Amino acid sequence: MEDRDSFGSFLVGFLVGGVAGAIVALLYAPQSGKETRDQIKDKTIELKDKTVVVLDETYQKAESAGKEAVAKAQDLIKATQTKAAETLKKGQVLLEKTPAPAKAKK
């Protein structure tokens, strides 16, 4: 969960930095205020669209990784259960082959 919070913080910083950089660059550009505002609006929309795409891709990758981890865990559980059953069976066979201890005489 902490990784998700860190990624969220990174993404917010990325967005804020991108918008701030675009605004500063446009404000120093030699053009009219109307053109600058239009360009800022266009760049903001473009950045928003890119962010949505990146978030969707990230979500899909995280979901895929989660499913893969669950599948690996289930495989490991099955292998462990099989190994435990085999060990139990071997233990029972050894126990049956071992002669009973002689009773002590009083």
C-alpha atoms as a PDB file:
ATOM      1  CA  MET A   1       0.000   0.000   0.000  1.00  0.00           C
ATOM      2  CA  GLU A   2       2.929   2.295   0.712  1.00  0.00           C
ATOM      3  CA  ASP A   3       4.192   1.882  -2.857  1.00  0.00           C
ATOM      4  CA  ARG A   4       0.825   3.023  -4.155  1.00  0.00           C
ATOM      5  CA  ASP A   5       0.960   6.135  -1.936  1.00  0.00           C
ATOM      6  CA  SER A   6       4.493   6.868  -3.136  1.00  0.00           C
ATOM      7  CA  PHE A   7       3.430   6.469  -6.748  1.00  0.00           C
ATOM      8  CA  GLY A   8       0.440   8.750  -6.157  1.00  0.00           C
ATOM      9  CA  SER A   9       2.720  11.402  -4.669  1.00  0.00           C
ATOM     10  CA  PHE A  10       5.096  11.039  -7.594  1.00  0.00           C
ATOM     11  CA  LEU A  11       2.261  11.365 -10.084  1.00  0.00           C
ATOM     12  CA  VAL A  12       0.893  14.500  -8.417  1.00  0.00           C
ATOM     13  CA  GLY A  13       4.384  16.023  -8.381  1.00  0.00           C
ATOM     14  CA  PHE A  14       4.855  15.081 -12.021  1.00  0.00           C
ATOM     15  CA  LEU A  15       1.580  16.716 -13.007  1.00  0.00           C
ATOM     16  CA  VAL A  16       2.159  19.875 -11.002  1.00  0.00           C
ATOM     17  CA  GLY A  17       5.706  20.187 -12.322  1.00  0.00           C
ATOM     18  CA  GLY A  18       4.583  19.629 -15.904  1.00  0.00           C
ATOM     19  CA  VAL A  19       1.829  22.227 -15.690  1.00  0.00           C
ATOM     20  CA  ALA A  20       4.064  24.738 -13.907  1.00  0.00           C
ATOM     21  CA  GLY A  21       6.839  24.268 -16.463  1.00  0.00           C
ATOM     22  CA  ALA A  22       4.431  24.653 -19.365  1.00  0.00           C
ATOM     23  CA  ILE A  23       2.930  27.801 -17.879  1.00  0.00           C
ATOM     24  CA  VAL A  24       6.314  29.415 -17.220  1.00  0.00           C
ATOM     25  CA  ALA A  25       7.496  28.562 -20.729  1.00  0.00           C
ATOM     26  CA  LEU A  26       4.367  30.026 -22.265  1.00  0.00           C
ATOM     27  CA  LEU A  27       4.451  33.171 -20.170  1.00  0.00           C
ATOM     28  CA  TYR A  28       7.935  33.996 -21.447  1.00  0.00           C
ATOM     29  CA  ALA A  29       7.000  33.262 -25.056  1.00  0.00           C
ATOM     30  CA  PRO A  30       6.636  36.329 -27.324  1.00  0.00           C
ATOM     31  CA  GLN A  31       2.916  36.162 -28.139  1.00  0.00           C
ATOM     32  CA  SER A  32      -0.372  37.757 -27.132  1.00  0.00           C
ATOM     33  CA  GLY A  33      -2.156  36.966 -23.873  1.00  0.00           C
ATOM     34  CA  LYS A  34      -5.042  35.293 -25.695  1.00  0.00           C
ATOM     35  CA  GLU A  35      -2.671  33.012 -27.610  1.00  0.00           C
ATOM     36  CA  THR A  36      -0.819  32.209 -24.402  1.00  0.00           C
ATOM     37  CA  ARG A  37      -4.038  31.344 -22.546  1.00  0.00           C
ATOM     38  CA  ASP A  38      -5.202  29.160 -25.419  1.00  0.00           C
ATOM     39  CA  GLN A  39      -1.858  27.406 -25.526  1.00  0.00           C
ATOM     40  CA  ILE A  40      -1.919  26.856 -21.741  1.00  0.00           C
ATOM     41  CA  LYS A  41      -5.430  25.401 -22.049  1.00  0.00           C
ATOM     42  CA  ASP A  42      -4.350  23.087 -24.877  1.00  0.00           C
ATOM     43  CA  LYS A  43      -1.227  21.910 -23.059  1.00  0.00           C
ATOM     44  CA  THR A  44      -3.225  21.277 -19.875  1.00  0.00           C
ATOM     45  CA  ILE A  45      -5.745  19.149 -21.770  1.00  0.00           C
ATOM     46  CA  GLU A  46      -2.923  17.271 -23.492  1.00  0.00           C
ATOM     47  CA  LEU A  47      -1.171  16.610 -20.164  1.00  0.00           C
ATOM     48  CA  LYS A  48      -4.452  15.429 -18.607  1.00  0.00           C
ATOM     49  CA  ASP A  49      -5.009  12.995 -21.472  1.00  0.00           C
ATOM     50  CA  LYS A  50      -1.469  11.619 -21.157  1.00  0.00           C
ATOM     51  CA  THR A  51      -1.967  11.203 -17.418  1.00  0.00           C
ATOM     52  CA  VAL A  52      -5.159   9.217 -17.932  1.00  0.00           C
ATOM     53  CA  VAL A  53      -3.341   6.900 -20.356  1.00  0.00           C
ATOM     54  CA  VAL A  54      -0.411   6.410 -17.958  1.00  0.00           C
ATOM     55  CA  LEU A  55      -2.759   5.725 -15.042  1.00  0.00           C
ATOM     56  CA  ASP A  56      -4.706   3.151 -17.059  1.00  0.00           C
ATOM     57  CA  GLU A  57      -1.507   1.389 -18.133  1.00  0.00           C
ATOM     58  CA  THR A  58      -0.178   1.418 -14.580  1.00  0.00           C
ATOM     59  CA  TYR A  59      -3.431   0.018 -13.216  1.00  0.00           C
ATOM     60  CA  GLN A  60      -3.422  -2.770 -15.801  1.00  0.00           C
ATOM     61  CA  LYS A  61       0.196  -3.658 -15.017  1.00  0.00           C
ATOM     62  CA  ALA A  62      -0.508  -3.701 -11.280  1.00  0.00           C
ATOM     63  CA  GLU A  63      -3.583  -5.868 -11.778  1.00  0.00           C
ATOM     64  CA  SER A  64      -1.612  -8.279 -13.963  1.00  0.00           C
ATOM     65  CA  ALA A  65       1.229  -8.458 -11.434  1.00  0.00           C
ATOM     66  CA  GLY A  66      -1.271  -9.124  -8.646  1.00  0.00           C
ATOM     67  CA  LYS A  67      -2.912 -11.961 -10.561  1.00  0.00           C
ATOM     68  CA  GLU A  68       0.485 -13.448 -11.346  1.00  0.00           C
ATOM     69  CA  ALA A  69       1.493 -13.295  -7.682  1.00  0.00           C
ATOM     70  CA  VAL A  70      -1.730 -15.031  -6.634  1.00  0.00           C
ATOM     71  CA  ALA A  71      -1.177 -17.774  -9.221  1.00  0.00           C
ATOM     72  CA  LYS A  72       2.398 -18.341  -8.042  1.00  0.00           C
ATOM     73  CA  ALA A  73       1.250 -18.449  -4.418  1.00  0.00           C
ATOM     74  CA  GLN A  74      -1.417 -21.023  -5.266  1.00  0.00           C
ATOM     75  CA  ASP A  75       1.148 -23.154  -7.112  1.00  0.00           C
ATOM     76  CA  LEU A  76       3.477 -22.943  -4.113  1.00  0.00           C
ATOM     77  CA  ILE A  77       0.658 -23.953  -1.753  1.00  0.00           C
ATOM     78  CA  LYS A  78      -0.184 -26.989  -3.909  1.00  0.00           C
ATOM     79  CA  ALA A  79       3.470 -28.034  -4.104  1.00  0.00           C
ATOM     80  CA  THR A  80       3.861 -27.662  -0.345  1.00  0.00           C
ATOM     81  CA  GLN A  81       0.715 -29.678   0.340  1.00  0.00           C
ATOM     82  CA  THR A  82       1.903 -32.448  -1.996  1.00  0.00           C
ATOM     83  CA  LYS A  83       5.325 -32.536  -0.353  1.00  0.00           C
ATOM     84  CA  ALA A  84       3.755 -32.597   3.124  1.00  0.00           C
ATOM     85  CA  ALA A  85       1.485 -35.503   2.146  1.00  0.00           C
ATOM     86  CA  GLU A  86       4.464 -37.438   0.722  1.00  0.00           C
ATOM     87  CA  THR A  87       6.503 -36.818   3.874  1.00  0.00           C
ATOM     88  CA  LEU A  88       3.602 -37.938   6.072  1.00  0.00           C
ATOM     89  CA  LYS A  89       3.187 -41.126   4.054  1.00  0.00           C
ATOM     90  CA  LYS A  90       6.941 -41.901   4.311  1.00  0.00           C
ATOM     91  CA  GLY A  91       6.800 -41.248   8.043  1.00  0.00           C
ATOM     92  CA  GLN A  92       3.897 -43.664   8.462  1.00  0.00           C
ATOM     93  CA  VAL A  93       5.706 -46.367   6.468  1.00  0.00           C
ATOM     94  CA  LEU A  94       8.828 -45.952   8.611  1.00  0.00           C
ATOM     95  CA  LEU A  95       6.754 -46.036  11.770  1.00  0.00           C
ATOM     96  CA  GLU A  96       5.068 -49.274  10.686  1.00  0.00           C
ATOM     97  CA  LYS A  97       8.423 -50.907   9.893  1.00  0.00           C
ATOM     98  CA  THR A  98       9.983 -49.954  13.205  1.00  0.00           C
ATOM     99  CA  PRO A  99       9.625 -52.736  15.797  1.00  0.00           C
ATOM    100  CA  ALA A 100       7.794 -51.852  18.975  1.00  0.00           C
ATOM    101  CA  PRO A 101      10.058 -51.313  21.978  1.00  0.00           C
ATOM    102  CA  ALA A 102      10.273 -54.211  24.422  1.00  0.00           C
ATOM    103  CA  LYS A 103       8.383 -53.709  27.627  1.00  0.00           C
ATOM    104  CA  ALA A 104      10.551 -53.406  30.689  1.00  0.00           C
ATOM    105  CA  LYS A 105      10.188 -56.199  33.272  1.00  0.00           C
ATOM    106  CA  LYS A 106       9.553 -55.293  36.877  1.00  0.00           C
END
